[in-house]
């Protein structure tokens, strides 16, 4: 799995609000108690964020979709752990080759991978 960056709280000012606060602001807008601009100022949430949530824009996850599903990643990692328990620990190259073999058996060709071999991350 790729590395996961943990940002420091407050490093992005536009994202420092709780999910509950956002839902409360949207509820007030939908019920007609506030306009989007009034809710933005009252709940300290950017106007663009509230507008996009109200209109249902950008609902998906950001970034490129993953190649393997969560279940497939877990299965590959469990197989690597089983080999380590048997006394044959796998290197990163071994795990990458296992992934390539899995993709080849499923008949999937990933254009992002050279020769269908995943990268280091």
PDB file of N, CA and C in Angstrom:
ATOM      1  N   UNK A   1       0.844  -1.173   0.000  1.00  0.00           N
ATOM      2  CA  UNK A   1       0.000   0.000   0.000  1.00  0.00           C
ATOM      3  C   UNK A   1       0.891   1.239   0.000  1.00  0.00           C
ATOM      4  N   UNK A   2       0.434   2.308  -0.617  1.00  0.00           N
ATOM      5  CA  UNK A   2       1.234   3.514  -0.653  1.00  0.00           C
ATOM      6  C   UNK A   2       1.352   4.153   0.724  1.00  0.00           C
ATOM      7  N   UNK A   3       2.329   5.019   0.826  1.00  0.00           N
ATOM      8  CA  UNK A   3       2.518   5.735   2.083  1.00  0.00           C
ATOM      9  C   UNK A   3       1.322   6.618   2.366  1.00  0.00           C
ATOM     10  N   UNK A   4       1.064   6.870   3.637  1.00  0.00           N
ATOM     11  CA  UNK A   4      -0.060   7.716   4.019  1.00  0.00           C
ATOM     12  C   UNK A   4       0.482   8.910   4.792  1.00  0.00           C
ATOM     13  N   UNK A   5       0.181  10.100   4.291  1.00  0.00           N
ATOM     14  CA  UNK A   5       0.668  11.327   4.917  1.00  0.00           C
ATOM     15  C   UNK A   5      -0.318  11.781   5.980  1.00  0.00           C
ATOM     16  N   UNK A   6       0.169  12.053   7.173  1.00  0.00           N
ATOM     17  CA  UNK A   6      -0.659  12.589   8.238  1.00  0.00           C
ATOM     18  C   UNK A   6      -0.335  14.071   8.388  1.00  0.00           C
ATOM     19  N   UNK A   7      -1.298  14.914   8.043  1.00  0.00           N
ATOM     20  CA  UNK A   7      -1.043  16.343   8.119  1.00  0.00           C
ATOM     21  C   UNK A   7      -1.217  16.832   9.545  1.00  0.00           C
ATOM     22  N   UNK A   8      -0.542  17.910   9.860  1.00  0.00           N
ATOM     23  CA  UNK A   8      -0.688  18.521  11.162  1.00  0.00           C
ATOM     24  C   UNK A   8      -1.979  19.324  11.197  1.00  0.00           C
ATOM     25  N   UNK A   9      -2.658  19.305  12.325  1.00  0.00           N
ATOM     26  CA  UNK A   9      -3.900  20.039  12.469  1.00  0.00           C
ATOM     27  C   UNK A   9      -3.634  21.522  12.279  1.00  0.00           C
ATOM     28  N   UNK A  10      -4.407  22.150  11.442  1.00  0.00           N
ATOM     29  CA  UNK A  10      -4.240  23.573  11.191  1.00  0.00           C
ATOM     30  C   UNK A  10      -3.341  23.890  10.012  1.00  0.00           C
ATOM     31  N   UNK A  11      -2.743  22.871   9.386  1.00  0.00           N
ATOM     32  CA  UNK A  11      -1.856  23.158   8.259  1.00  0.00           C
ATOM     33  C   UNK A  11      -2.650  23.549   7.016  1.00  0.00           C
ATOM     34  N   UNK A  12      -3.908  23.105   6.934  1.00  0.00           N
ATOM     35  CA  UNK A  12      -4.785  23.534   5.843  1.00  0.00           C
ATOM     36  C   UNK A  12      -5.956  24.258   6.483  1.00  0.00           C
ATOM     37  N   UNK A  13      -5.999  25.551   6.348  1.00  0.00           N
ATOM     38  CA  UNK A  13      -7.045  26.319   6.991  1.00  0.00           C
ATOM     39  C   UNK A  13      -8.413  26.079   6.417  1.00  0.00           C
ATOM     40  N   UNK A  14      -8.487  25.655   5.173  1.00  0.00           N
ATOM     41  CA  UNK A  14      -9.782  25.474   4.536  1.00  0.00           C
ATOM     42  C   UNK A  14     -10.440  24.162   4.924  1.00  0.00           C
ATOM     43  N   UNK A  15      -9.772  23.347   5.703  1.00  0.00           N
ATOM     44  CA  UNK A  15     -10.329  22.041   6.028  1.00  0.00           C
ATOM     45  C   UNK A  15     -10.427  21.822   7.535  1.00  0.00           C
ATOM     46  N   UNK A  16     -10.419  22.882   8.317  1.00  0.00           N
ATOM     47  CA  UNK A  16     -10.470  22.756   9.763  1.00  0.00           C
ATOM     48  C   UNK A  16     -11.885  22.957  10.286  1.00  0.00           C
ATOM     49  N   UNK A  17     -12.759  22.021   9.985  1.00  0.00           N
ATOM     50  CA  UNK A  17     -14.098  22.002  10.538  1.00  0.00           C
ATOM     51  C   UNK A  17     -14.500  20.550  10.687  1.00  0.00           C
ATOM     52  N   UNK A  18     -15.364  20.293  11.632  1.00  0.00           N
ATOM     53  CA  UNK A  18     -15.778  18.914  11.871  1.00  0.00           C
ATOM     54  C   UNK A  18     -16.890  18.518  10.910  1.00  0.00           C
ATOM     55  N   UNK A  19     -17.049  17.234  10.737  1.00  0.00           N
ATOM     56  CA  UNK A  19     -18.092  16.715   9.861  1.00  0.00           C
ATOM     57  C   UNK A  19     -19.474  17.067  10.411  1.00  0.00           C
ATOM     58  N   UNK A  20     -19.598  17.067  11.741  1.00  0.00           N
ATOM     59  CA  UNK A  20     -20.882  17.411  12.360  1.00  0.00           C
ATOM     60  C   UNK A  20     -21.265  18.854  12.060  1.00  0.00           C
ATOM     61  N   UNK A  21     -20.258  19.724  12.107  1.00  0.00           N
ATOM     62  CA  UNK A  21     -20.496  21.140  11.819  1.00  0.00           C
ATOM     63  C   UNK A  21     -20.957  21.327  10.370  1.00  0.00           C
ATOM     64  N   UNK A  22     -20.331  20.606   9.460  1.00  0.00           N
ATOM     65  CA  UNK A  22     -20.706  20.676   8.049  1.00  0.00           C
ATOM     66  C   UNK A  22     -22.130  20.164   7.834  1.00  0.00           C
ATOM     67  N   UNK A  23     -22.463  19.037   8.462  1.00  0.00           N
ATOM     68  CA  UNK A  23     -23.804  18.476   8.308  1.00  0.00           C
ATOM     69  C   UNK A  23     -24.863  19.404   8.893  1.00  0.00           C
ATOM     70  N   UNK A  24     -24.554  20.048  10.025  1.00  0.00           N
ATOM     71  CA  UNK A  24     -25.499  20.981  10.624  1.00  0.00           C
ATOM     72  C   UNK A  24     -25.723  22.186   9.722  1.00  0.00           C
ATOM     73  N   UNK A  25     -24.649  22.694   9.124  1.00  0.00           N
ATOM     74  CA  UNK A  25     -24.769  23.837   8.215  1.00  0.00           C
ATOM     75  C   UNK A  25     -25.604  23.457   6.991  1.00  0.00           C
ATOM     76  N   UNK A  26     -25.351  22.274   6.424  1.00  0.00           N
ATOM     77  CA  UNK A  26     -26.124  21.831   5.261  1.00  0.00           C
ATOM     78  C   UNK A  26     -27.600  21.627   5.607  1.00  0.00           C
ATOM     79  N   UNK A  27     -27.849  21.100   6.792  1.00  0.00           N
ATOM     80  CA  UNK A  27     -29.236  20.898   7.224  1.00  0.00           C
ATOM     81  C   UNK A  27     -29.970  22.239   7.330  1.00  0.00           C
ATOM     82  N   UNK A  28     -29.299  23.243   7.886  1.00  0.00           N
ATOM     83  CA  UNK A  28     -29.899  24.575   8.004  1.00  0.00           C
ATOM     84  C   UNK A  28     -30.180  25.190   6.634  1.00  0.00           C
ATOM     85  N   UNK A  29     -29.285  24.964   5.682  1.00  0.00           N
ATOM     86  CA  UNK A  29     -29.476  25.498   4.334  1.00  0.00           C
ATOM     87  C   UNK A  29     -30.647  24.790   3.654  1.00  0.00           C
ATOM     88  N   UNK A  30     -30.720  23.469   3.798  1.00  0.00           N
ATOM     89  CA  UNK A  30     -31.791  22.711   3.142  1.00  0.00           C
ATOM     90  C   UNK A  30     -33.167  23.032   3.718  1.00  0.00           C
ATOM     91  N   UNK A  31     -33.218  23.332   4.995  1.00  0.00           N
ATOM     92  CA  UNK A  31     -34.489  23.671   5.626  1.00  0.00           C
ATOM     93  C   UNK A  31     -34.880  25.133   5.403  1.00  0.00           C
ATOM     94  N   UNK A  32     -33.982  25.911   4.832  1.00  0.00           N
ATOM     95  CA  UNK A  32     -34.295  27.297   4.501  1.00  0.00           C
ATOM     96  C   UNK A  32     -34.063  28.290   5.628  1.00  0.00           C
ATOM     97  N   UNK A  33     -33.418  27.858   6.712  1.00  0.00           N
ATOM     98  CA  UNK A  33     -33.135  28.789   7.806  1.00  0.00           C
ATOM     99  C   UNK A  33     -32.016  29.759   7.450  1.00  0.00           C
ATOM    100  N   UNK A  34     -31.048  29.293   6.662  1.00  0.00           N
ATOM    101  CA  UNK A  34     -29.911  30.122   6.243  1.00  0.00           C
ATOM    102  C   UNK A  34     -29.732  29.997   4.744  1.00  0.00           C
ATOM    103  N   UNK A  35     -29.151  31.024   4.146  1.00  0.00           N
ATOM    104  CA  UNK A  35     -28.643  30.875   2.785  1.00  0.00           C
ATOM    105  C   UNK A  35     -27.271  30.223   2.908  1.00  0.00           C
ATOM    106  N   UNK A  36     -26.723  29.852   1.789  1.00  0.00           N
ATOM    107  CA  UNK A  36     -25.400  29.220   1.833  1.00  0.00           C
ATOM    108  C   UNK A  36     -24.378  30.204   2.383  1.00  0.00           C
ATOM    109  N   UNK A  37     -24.467  31.452   1.968  1.00  0.00           N
ATOM    110  CA  UNK A  37     -23.508  32.462   2.439  1.00  0.00           C
ATOM    111  C   UNK A  37     -23.646  32.700   3.944  1.00  0.00           C
ATOM    112  N   UNK A  38     -24.871  32.784   4.441  1.00  0.00           N
ATOM    113  CA  UNK A  38     -25.077  32.996   5.876  1.00  0.00           C
ATOM    114  C   UNK A  38     -24.556  31.802   6.685  1.00  0.00           C
ATOM    115  N   UNK A  39     -24.830  30.592   6.206  1.00  0.00           N
ATOM    116  CA  UNK A  39     -24.335  29.397   6.894  1.00  0.00           C
ATOM    117  C   UNK A  39     -22.815  29.353   6.858  1.00  0.00           C
ATOM    118  N   UNK A  40     -22.237  29.815   5.764  1.00  0.00           N
ATOM    119  CA  UNK A  40     -20.784  29.850   5.642  1.00  0.00           C
ATOM    120  C   UNK A  40     -20.168  30.741   6.717  1.00  0.00           C
ATOM    121  N   UNK A  41     -20.761  31.900   6.909  1.00  0.00           N
ATOM    122  CA  UNK A  41     -20.223  32.820   7.917  1.00  0.00           C
ATOM    123  C   UNK A  41     -20.537  32.344   9.335  1.00  0.00           C
ATOM    124  N   UNK A  42     -21.707  31.778   9.551  1.00  0.00           N
ATOM    125  CA  UNK A  42     -22.099  31.335  10.883  1.00  0.00           C
ATOM    126  C   UNK A  42     -21.261  30.153  11.365  1.00  0.00           C
ATOM    127  N   UNK A  43     -21.021  29.177  10.491  1.00  0.00           N
ATOM    128  CA  UNK A  43     -20.323  27.955  10.886  1.00  0.00           C
ATOM    129  C   UNK A  43     -18.834  27.958  10.543  1.00  0.00           C
ATOM    130  N   UNK A  44     -18.329  29.068   9.995  1.00  0.00           N
ATOM    131  CA  UNK A  44     -16.901  29.208   9.634  1.00  0.00           C
ATOM    132  C   UNK A  44     -16.447  28.116   8.672  1.00  0.00           C
ATOM    133  N   UNK A  45     -17.246  27.900   7.647  1.00  0.00           N
ATOM    134  CA  UNK A  45     -16.913  26.948   6.588  1.00  0.00           C
ATOM    135  C   UNK A  45     -16.903  27.735   5.284  1.00  0.00           C
ATOM    136  N   UNK A  46     -15.943  27.472   4.430  1.00  0.00           N
ATOM    137  CA  UNK A  46     -15.839  28.213   3.184  1.00  0.00           C
ATOM    138  C   UNK A  46     -17.111  28.086   2.352  1.00  0.00           C
ATOM    139  N   UNK A  47     -17.464  29.166   1.674  1.00  0.00           N
ATOM    140  CA  UNK A  47     -18.664  29.198   0.841  1.00  0.00           C
ATOM    141  C   UNK A  47     -18.601  28.131  -0.241  1.00  0.00           C
ATOM    142  N   UNK A  48     -17.447  28.011  -0.901  1.00  0.00           N
ATOM    143  CA  UNK A  48     -17.293  27.032  -1.980  1.00  0.00           C
ATOM    144  C   UNK A  48     -17.502  25.611  -1.503  1.00  0.00           C
ATOM    145  N   UNK A  49     -17.027  25.314  -0.306  1.00  0.00           N
ATOM    146  CA  UNK A  49     -17.201  23.977   0.247  1.00  0.00           C
ATOM    147  C   UNK A  49     -18.675  23.681   0.475  1.00  0.00           C
ATOM    148  N   UNK A  50     -19.369  24.615   1.108  1.00  0.00           N
ATOM    149  CA  UNK A  50     -20.800  24.419   1.357  1.00  0.00           C
ATOM    150  C   UNK A  50     -21.590  24.329   0.057  1.00  0.00           C
ATOM    151  N   UNK A  51     -21.264  25.176  -0.898  1.00  0.00           N
ATOM    152  CA  UNK A  51     -21.959  25.182  -2.177  1.00  0.00           C
ATOM    153  C   UNK A  51     -21.790  23.840  -2.883  1.00  0.00           C
ATOM    154  N   UNK A  52     -20.551  23.348  -2.921  1.00  0.00           N
ATOM    155  CA  UNK A  52     -20.284  22.073  -3.599  1.00  0.00           C
ATOM    156  C   UNK A  52     -20.976  20.907  -2.898  1.00  0.00           C
ATOM    157  N   UNK A  53     -20.991  20.897  -1.577  1.00  0.00           N
ATOM    158  CA  UNK A  53     -21.679  19.832  -0.845  1.00  0.00           C
ATOM    159  C   UNK A  53     -23.186  19.915  -1.068  1.00  0.00           C
ATOM    160  N   UNK A  54     -23.735  21.134  -1.098  1.00  0.00           N
ATOM    161  CA  UNK A  54     -25.165  21.337  -1.301  1.00  0.00           C
ATOM    162  C   UNK A  54     -25.588  20.858  -2.694  1.00  0.00           C
ATOM    163  N   UNK A  55     -24.759  21.130  -3.690  1.00  0.00           N
ATOM    164  CA  UNK A  55     -25.072  20.737  -5.068  1.00  0.00           C
ATOM    165  C   UNK A  55     -24.675  19.294  -5.381  1.00  0.00           C
ATOM    166  N   UNK A  56     -23.950  18.644  -4.453  1.00  0.00           N
ATOM    167  CA  UNK A  56     -23.568  17.251  -4.661  1.00  0.00           C
ATOM    168  C   UNK A  56     -22.375  17.072  -5.572  1.00  0.00           C
ATOM    169  N   UNK A  57     -21.544  18.081  -5.704  1.00  0.00           N
ATOM    170  CA  UNK A  57     -20.362  17.973  -6.561  1.00  0.00           C
ATOM    171  C   UNK A  57     -19.218  17.325  -5.793  1.00  0.00           C
ATOM    172  N   UNK A  58     -18.332  16.692  -6.520  1.00  0.00           N
ATOM    173  CA  UNK A  58     -17.093  16.125  -5.985  1.00  0.00           C
ATOM    174  C   UNK A  58     -17.362  15.145  -4.850  1.00  0.00           C
ATOM    175  N   UNK A  59     -18.257  14.213  -5.060  1.00  0.00           N
ATOM    176  CA  UNK A  59     -18.608  13.257  -4.020  1.00  0.00           C
ATOM    177  C   UNK A  59     -17.640  12.100  -3.896  1.00  0.00           C
ATOM    178  N   UNK A  60     -16.866  11.825  -4.935  1.00  0.00           N
ATOM    179  CA  UNK A  60     -15.962  10.677  -4.901  1.00  0.00           C
ATOM    180  C   UNK A  60     -14.702  10.940  -4.117  1.00  0.00           C
ATOM    181  N   UNK A  61     -13.901   9.905  -4.010  1.00  0.00           N
ATOM    182  CA  UNK A  61     -12.625  10.045  -3.321  1.00  0.00           C
ATOM    183  C   UNK A  61     -11.651  10.786  -4.231  1.00  0.00           C
ATOM    184  N   UNK A  62     -10.801  11.643  -3.665  1.00  0.00           N
ATOM    185  CA  UNK A  62      -9.831  12.347  -4.494  1.00  0.00           C
ATOM    186  C   UNK A  62      -8.712  11.412  -4.951  1.00  0.00           C
ATOM    187  N   UNK A  63      -8.087  11.773  -6.047  1.00  0.00           N
ATOM    188  CA  UNK A  63      -6.952  11.009  -6.534  1.00  0.00           C
ATOM    189  C   UNK A  63      -7.347   9.892  -7.483  1.00  0.00           C
ATOM    190  N   UNK A  64      -6.337   9.187  -7.935  1.00  0.00           N
ATOM    191  CA  UNK A  64      -6.535   8.090  -8.873  1.00  0.00           C
ATOM    192  C   UNK A  64      -7.113   6.880  -8.156  1.00  0.00           C
ATOM    193  N   UNK A  65      -8.017   6.152  -8.788  1.00  0.00           N
ATOM    194  CA  UNK A  65      -8.546   4.944  -8.145  1.00  0.00           C
ATOM    195  C   UNK A  65      -7.453   3.884  -7.988  1.00  0.00           C
ATOM    196  N   UNK A  66      -7.576   3.068  -6.969  1.00  0.00           N
ATOM    197  CA  UNK A  66      -6.563   2.052  -6.713  1.00  0.00           C
ATOM    198  C   UNK A  66      -6.718   0.895  -7.698  1.00  0.00           C
ATOM    199  N   UNK A  67      -5.638   0.193  -7.939  1.00  0.00           N
ATOM    200  CA  UNK A  67      -5.638  -0.940  -8.861  1.00  0.00           C
ATOM    201  C   UNK A  67      -6.262  -2.157  -8.183  1.00  0.00           C
ATOM    202  N   UNK A  68      -5.815  -2.442  -6.966  1.00  0.00           N
ATOM    203  CA  UNK A  68      -6.314  -3.580  -6.213  1.00  0.00           C
ATOM    204  C   UNK A  68      -7.387  -3.102  -5.241  1.00  0.00           C
ATOM    205  N   UNK A  69      -8.396  -3.921  -5.048  1.00  0.00           N
ATOM    206  CA  UNK A  69      -9.394  -3.607  -4.029  1.00  0.00           C
ATOM    207  C   UNK A  69      -8.765  -3.863  -2.659  1.00  0.00           C
ATOM    208  N   UNK A  70      -9.444  -3.402  -1.624  1.00  0.00           N
ATOM    209  CA  UNK A  70      -8.930  -3.593  -0.271  1.00  0.00           C
ATOM    210  C   UNK A  70      -8.789  -5.088   0.040  1.00  0.00           C
ATOM    211  N   UNK A  71      -9.760  -5.882  -0.376  1.00  0.00           N
ATOM    212  CA  UNK A  71      -9.732  -7.316  -0.116  1.00  0.00           C
ATOM    213  C   UNK A  71      -8.562  -7.987  -0.838  1.00  0.00           C
ATOM    214  N   UNK A  72      -8.283  -7.547  -2.070  1.00  0.00           N
ATOM    215  CA  UNK A  72      -7.156  -8.117  -2.820  1.00  0.00           C
ATOM    216  C   UNK A  72      -5.829  -7.774  -2.146  1.00  0.00           C
ATOM    217  N   UNK A  73      -5.687  -6.548  -1.665  1.00  0.00           N
ATOM    218  CA  UNK A  73      -4.457  -6.167  -0.963  1.00  0.00           C
ATOM    219  C   UNK A  73      -4.267  -6.991   0.297  1.00  0.00           C
ATOM    220  N   UNK A  74      -5.348  -7.177   1.045  1.00  0.00           N
ATOM    221  CA  UNK A  74      -5.266  -7.964   2.276  1.00  0.00           C
ATOM    222  C   UNK A  74      -4.886  -9.407   1.957  1.00  0.00           C
ATOM    223  N   UNK A  75      -5.436  -9.969   0.890  1.00  0.00           N
ATOM    224  CA  UNK A  75      -5.113 -11.346   0.518  1.00  0.00           C
ATOM    225  C   UNK A  75      -3.630 -11.495   0.157  1.00  0.00           C
ATOM    226  N   UNK A  76      -3.093 -10.526  -0.565  1.00  0.00           N
ATOM    227  CA  UNK A  76      -1.671 -10.579  -0.935  1.00  0.00           C
ATOM    228  C   UNK A  76      -0.802 -10.465   0.305  1.00  0.00           C
ATOM    229  N   UNK A  77      -1.173  -9.574   1.224  1.00  0.00           N
ATOM    230  CA  UNK A  77      -0.383  -9.409   2.451  1.00  0.00           C
ATOM    231  C   UNK A  77      -0.480 -10.637   3.355  1.00  0.00           C
ATOM    232  N   UNK A  78      -1.648 -11.276   3.399  1.00  0.00           N
ATOM    233  CA  UNK A  78      -1.784 -12.502   4.196  1.00  0.00           C
ATOM    234  C   UNK A  78      -0.919 -13.616   3.627  1.00  0.00           C
ATOM    235  N   UNK A  79      -0.855 -13.706   2.299  1.00  0.00           N
ATOM    236  CA  UNK A  79       0.001 -14.727   1.672  1.00  0.00           C
ATOM    237  C   UNK A  79       1.469 -14.464   2.003  1.00  0.00           C
ATOM    238  N   UNK A  80       1.877 -13.194   1.998  1.00  0.00           N
ATOM    239  CA  UNK A  80       3.265 -12.860   2.347  1.00  0.00           C
ATOM    240  C   UNK A  80       3.540 -13.181   3.813  1.00  0.00           C
ATOM    241  N   UNK A  81       2.585 -12.919   4.693  1.00  0.00           N
ATOM    242  CA  UNK A  81       2.764 -13.222   6.114  1.00  0.00           C
ATOM    243  C   UNK A  81       2.843 -14.731   6.345  1.00  0.00           C
ATOM    244  N   UNK A  82       2.057 -15.497   5.596  1.00  0.00           N
ATOM    245  CA  UNK A  82       2.093 -16.963   5.733  1.00  0.00           C
ATOM    246  C   UNK A  82       3.462 -17.497   5.312  1.00  0.00           C
ATOM    247  N   UNK A  83       4.027 -16.948   4.241  1.00  0.00           N
ATOM    248  CA  UNK A  83       5.374 -17.370   3.820  1.00  0.00           C
ATOM    249  C   UNK A  83       6.400 -17.040   4.901  1.00  0.00           C
ATOM    250  N   UNK A  84       6.243 -15.876   5.541  1.00  0.00           N
ATOM    251  CA  UNK A  84       7.171 -15.500   6.607  1.00  0.00           C
ATOM    252  C   UNK A  84       7.024 -16.440   7.801  1.00  0.00           C
ATOM    253  N   UNK A  85       5.801 -16.864   8.117  1.00  0.00           N
ATOM    254  CA  UNK A  85       5.593 -17.813   9.213  1.00  0.00           C
ATOM    255  C   UNK A  85       6.220 -19.162   8.911  1.00  0.00           C
ATOM    256  N   UNK A  86       6.266 -19.539   7.649  1.00  0.00           N
ATOM    257  CA  UNK A  86       6.880 -20.801   7.244  1.00  0.00           C
ATOM    258  C   UNK A  86       8.409 -20.716   7.221  1.00  0.00           C
ATOM    259  N   UNK A  87       8.954 -19.517   7.425  1.00  0.00           N
ATOM    260  CA  UNK A  87      10.406 -19.363   7.451  1.00  0.00           C
ATOM    261  C   UNK A  87      10.991 -18.858   6.148  1.00  0.00           C
ATOM    262  N   UNK A  88      10.153 -18.367   5.244  1.00  0.00           N
ATOM    263  CA  UNK A  88      10.614 -17.830   3.971  1.00  0.00           C
ATOM    264  C   UNK A  88      10.104 -16.397   3.811  1.00  0.00           C
ATOM    265  N   UNK A  89      10.714 -15.452   4.496  1.00  0.00           N
ATOM    266  CA  UNK A  89      10.236 -14.071   4.370  1.00  0.00           C
ATOM    267  C   UNK A  89      10.429 -13.558   2.944  1.00  0.00           C
ATOM    268  N   UNK A  90       9.462 -12.787   2.472  1.00  0.00           N
ATOM    269  CA  UNK A  90       9.498 -12.279   1.106  1.00  0.00           C
ATOM    270  C   UNK A  90      10.078 -10.869   1.073  1.00  0.00           C
ATOM    271  N   UNK A  91      10.797 -10.594   0.018  1.00  0.00           N
ATOM    272  CA  UNK A  91      11.313  -9.246  -0.196  1.00  0.00           C
ATOM    273  C   UNK A  91      10.236  -8.430  -0.920  1.00  0.00           C
ATOM    274  N   UNK A  92      10.495  -7.155  -1.072  1.00  0.00           N
ATOM    275  CA  UNK A  92       9.545  -6.291  -1.778  1.00  0.00           C
ATOM    276  C   UNK A  92       9.392  -6.741  -3.225  1.00  0.00           C
ATOM    277  N   UNK A  93      10.474  -7.176  -3.843  1.00  0.00           N
ATOM    278  CA  UNK A  93      10.408  -7.662  -5.221  1.00  0.00           C
ATOM    279  C   UNK A  93       9.536  -8.911  -5.313  1.00  0.00           C
ATOM    280  N   UNK A  94       9.636  -9.806  -4.319  1.00  0.00           N
ATOM    281  CA  UNK A  94       8.796 -11.008  -4.309  1.00  0.00           C
ATOM    282  C   UNK A  94       7.312 -10.647  -4.247  1.00  0.00           C
ATOM    283  N   UNK A  95       6.972  -9.680  -3.413  1.00  0.00           N
ATOM    284  CA  UNK A  95       5.571  -9.260  -3.286  1.00  0.00           C
ATOM    285  C   UNK A  95       5.088  -8.610  -4.571  1.00  0.00           C
ATOM    286  N   UNK A  96       5.964  -7.843  -5.211  1.00  0.00           N
ATOM    287  CA  UNK A  96       5.601  -7.227  -6.489  1.00  0.00           C
ATOM    288  C   UNK A  96       5.362  -8.295  -7.553  1.00  0.00           C
ATOM    289  N   UNK A  97       6.184  -9.327  -7.560  1.00  0.00           N
ATOM    290  CA  UNK A  97       6.009 -10.403  -8.533  1.00  0.00           C
ATOM    291  C   UNK A  97       4.748 -11.218  -8.243  1.00  0.00           C
ATOM    292  N   UNK A  98       4.410 -11.385  -6.951  1.00  0.00           N
ATOM    293  CA  UNK A  98       3.158 -12.049  -6.595  1.00  0.00           C
ATOM    294  C   UNK A  98       1.973 -11.255  -7.131  1.00  0.00           C
ATOM    295  N   UNK A  99       2.065  -9.935  -7.020  1.00  0.00           N
ATOM    296  CA  UNK A  99       0.998  -9.068  -7.518  1.00  0.00           C
ATOM    297  C   UNK A  99       0.883  -9.173  -9.029  1.00  0.00           C
ATOM    298  N   UNK A 100       2.033  -9.218  -9.712  1.00  0.00           N
ATOM    299  CA  UNK A 100       2.032  -9.369 -11.172  1.00  0.00           C
ATOM    300  C   UNK A 100       1.386 -10.702 -11.568  1.00  0.00           C
ATOM    301  N   UNK A 101       1.755 -11.758 -10.863  1.00  0.00           N
ATOM    302  CA  UNK A 101       1.190 -13.077 -11.147  1.00  0.00           C
ATOM    303  C   UNK A 101      -0.322 -13.064 -10.940  1.00  0.00           C
ATOM    304  N   UNK A 102      -0.769 -12.411  -9.883  1.00  0.00           N
ATOM    305  CA  UNK A 102      -2.206 -12.317  -9.600  1.00  0.00           C
ATOM    306  C   UNK A 102      -2.926 -11.584 -10.732  1.00  0.00           C
ATOM    307  N   UNK A 103      -2.370 -10.452 -11.169  1.00  0.00           N
ATOM    308  CA  UNK A 103      -2.988  -9.693 -12.260  1.00  0.00           C
ATOM    309  C   UNK A 103      -3.022 -10.520 -13.548  1.00  0.00           C
ATOM    310  N   UNK A 104      -1.928 -11.233 -13.831  1.00  0.00           N
ATOM    311  CA  UNK A 104      -1.874 -12.055 -15.043  1.00  0.00           C
ATOM    312  C   UNK A 104      -2.909 -13.179 -14.997  1.00  0.00           C
ATOM    313  N   UNK A 105      -3.075 -13.812 -13.834  1.00  0.00           N
ATOM    314  CA  UNK A 105      -4.056 -14.894 -13.701  1.00  0.00           C
ATOM    315  C   UNK A 105      -5.480 -14.386 -13.873  1.00  0.00           C
ATOM    316  N   UNK A 106      -5.735 -13.172 -13.407  1.00  0.00           N
ATOM    317  CA  UNK A 106      -7.067 -12.572 -13.553  1.00  0.00           C
ATOM    318  C   UNK A 106      -7.297 -12.023 -14.957  1.00  0.00           C
ATOM    319  N   UNK A 107      -6.235 -11.922 -15.755  1.00  0.00           N
ATOM    320  CA  UNK A 107      -6.364 -11.401 -17.109  1.00  0.00           C
ATOM    321  C   UNK A 107      -6.459  -9.886 -17.155  1.00  0.00           C
ATOM    322  N   UNK A 108      -6.013  -9.234 -16.107  1.00  0.00           N
ATOM    323  CA  UNK A 108      -6.053  -7.767 -16.052  1.00  0.00           C
ATOM    324  C   UNK A 108      -4.708  -7.202 -16.470  1.00  0.00           C
ATOM    325  N   UNK A 109      -4.743  -6.209 -17.332  1.00  0.00           N
ATOM    326  CA  UNK A 109      -3.534  -5.509 -17.750  1.00  0.00           C
ATOM    327  C   UNK A 109      -3.653  -4.070 -17.275  1.00  0.00           C
ATOM    328  N   UNK A 110      -2.677  -3.635 -16.503  1.00  0.00           N
ATOM    329  CA  UNK A 110      -2.690  -2.284 -15.949  1.00  0.00           C
ATOM    330  C   UNK A 110      -1.699  -1.451 -16.740  1.00  0.00           C
ATOM    331  N   UNK A 111      -2.195  -0.414 -17.395  1.00  0.00           N
ATOM    332  CA  UNK A 111      -1.327   0.394 -18.252  1.00  0.00           C
ATOM    333  C   UNK A 111      -0.337   1.222 -17.441  1.00  0.00           C
ATOM    334  N   UNK A 112      -0.629   1.471 -16.162  1.00  0.00           N
ATOM    335  CA  UNK A 112       0.280   2.268 -15.332  1.00  0.00           C
ATOM    336  C   UNK A 112       1.519   1.478 -14.917  1.00  0.00           C
ATOM    337  N   UNK A 113       1.445   0.140 -14.961  1.00  0.00           N
ATOM    338  CA  UNK A 113       2.560  -0.703 -14.548  1.00  0.00           C
ATOM    339  C   UNK A 113       3.358  -1.119 -15.781  1.00  0.00           C
ATOM    340  N   UNK A 114       4.666  -1.037 -15.670  1.00  0.00           N
ATOM    341  CA  UNK A 114       5.518  -1.515 -16.752  1.00  0.00           C
ATOM    342  C   UNK A 114       5.566  -3.041 -16.674  1.00  0.00           C
ATOM    343  N   UNK A 115       5.217  -3.707 -17.753  1.00  0.00           N
ATOM    344  CA  UNK A 115       5.141  -5.169 -17.828  1.00  0.00           C
ATOM    345  C   UNK A 115       4.216  -5.739 -16.769  1.00  0.00           C
ATOM    346  N   UNK A 116       3.217  -4.978 -16.354  1.00  0.00           N
ATOM    347  CA  UNK A 116       2.216  -5.387 -15.365  1.00  0.00           C
ATOM    348  C   UNK A 116       2.819  -5.625 -13.979  1.00  0.00           C
ATOM    349  N   UNK A 117       3.977  -5.030 -13.702  1.00  0.00           N
ATOM    350  CA  UNK A 117       4.630  -5.161 -12.386  1.00  0.00           C
ATOM    351  C   UNK A 117       4.399  -3.864 -11.615  1.00  0.00           C
ATOM    352  N   UNK A 118       3.803  -3.939 -10.418  1.00  0.00           N
ATOM    353  CA  UNK A 118       3.572  -2.723  -9.624  1.00  0.00           C
ATOM    354  C   UNK A 118       4.886  -2.047  -9.237  1.00  0.00           C
ATOM    355  N   UNK A 119       4.813  -0.753  -8.967  1.00  0.00           N
ATOM    356  CA  UNK A 119       5.980  -0.002  -8.536  1.00  0.00           C
ATOM    357  C   UNK A 119       6.305  -0.259  -7.074  1.00  0.00           C
ATOM    358  N   UNK A 120       7.297   0.432  -6.585  1.00  0.00           N
ATOM    359  CA  UNK A 120       7.775   0.233  -5.218  1.00  0.00           C
ATOM    360  C   UNK A 120       6.729   0.672  -4.185  1.00  0.00           C
ATOM    361  N   UNK A 121       5.989   1.723  -4.488  1.00  0.00           N
ATOM    362  CA  UNK A 121       4.977   2.193  -3.536  1.00  0.00           C
ATOM    363  C   UNK A 121       3.746   1.349  -3.626  1.00  0.00           C
TER     364      UNK A 121
END
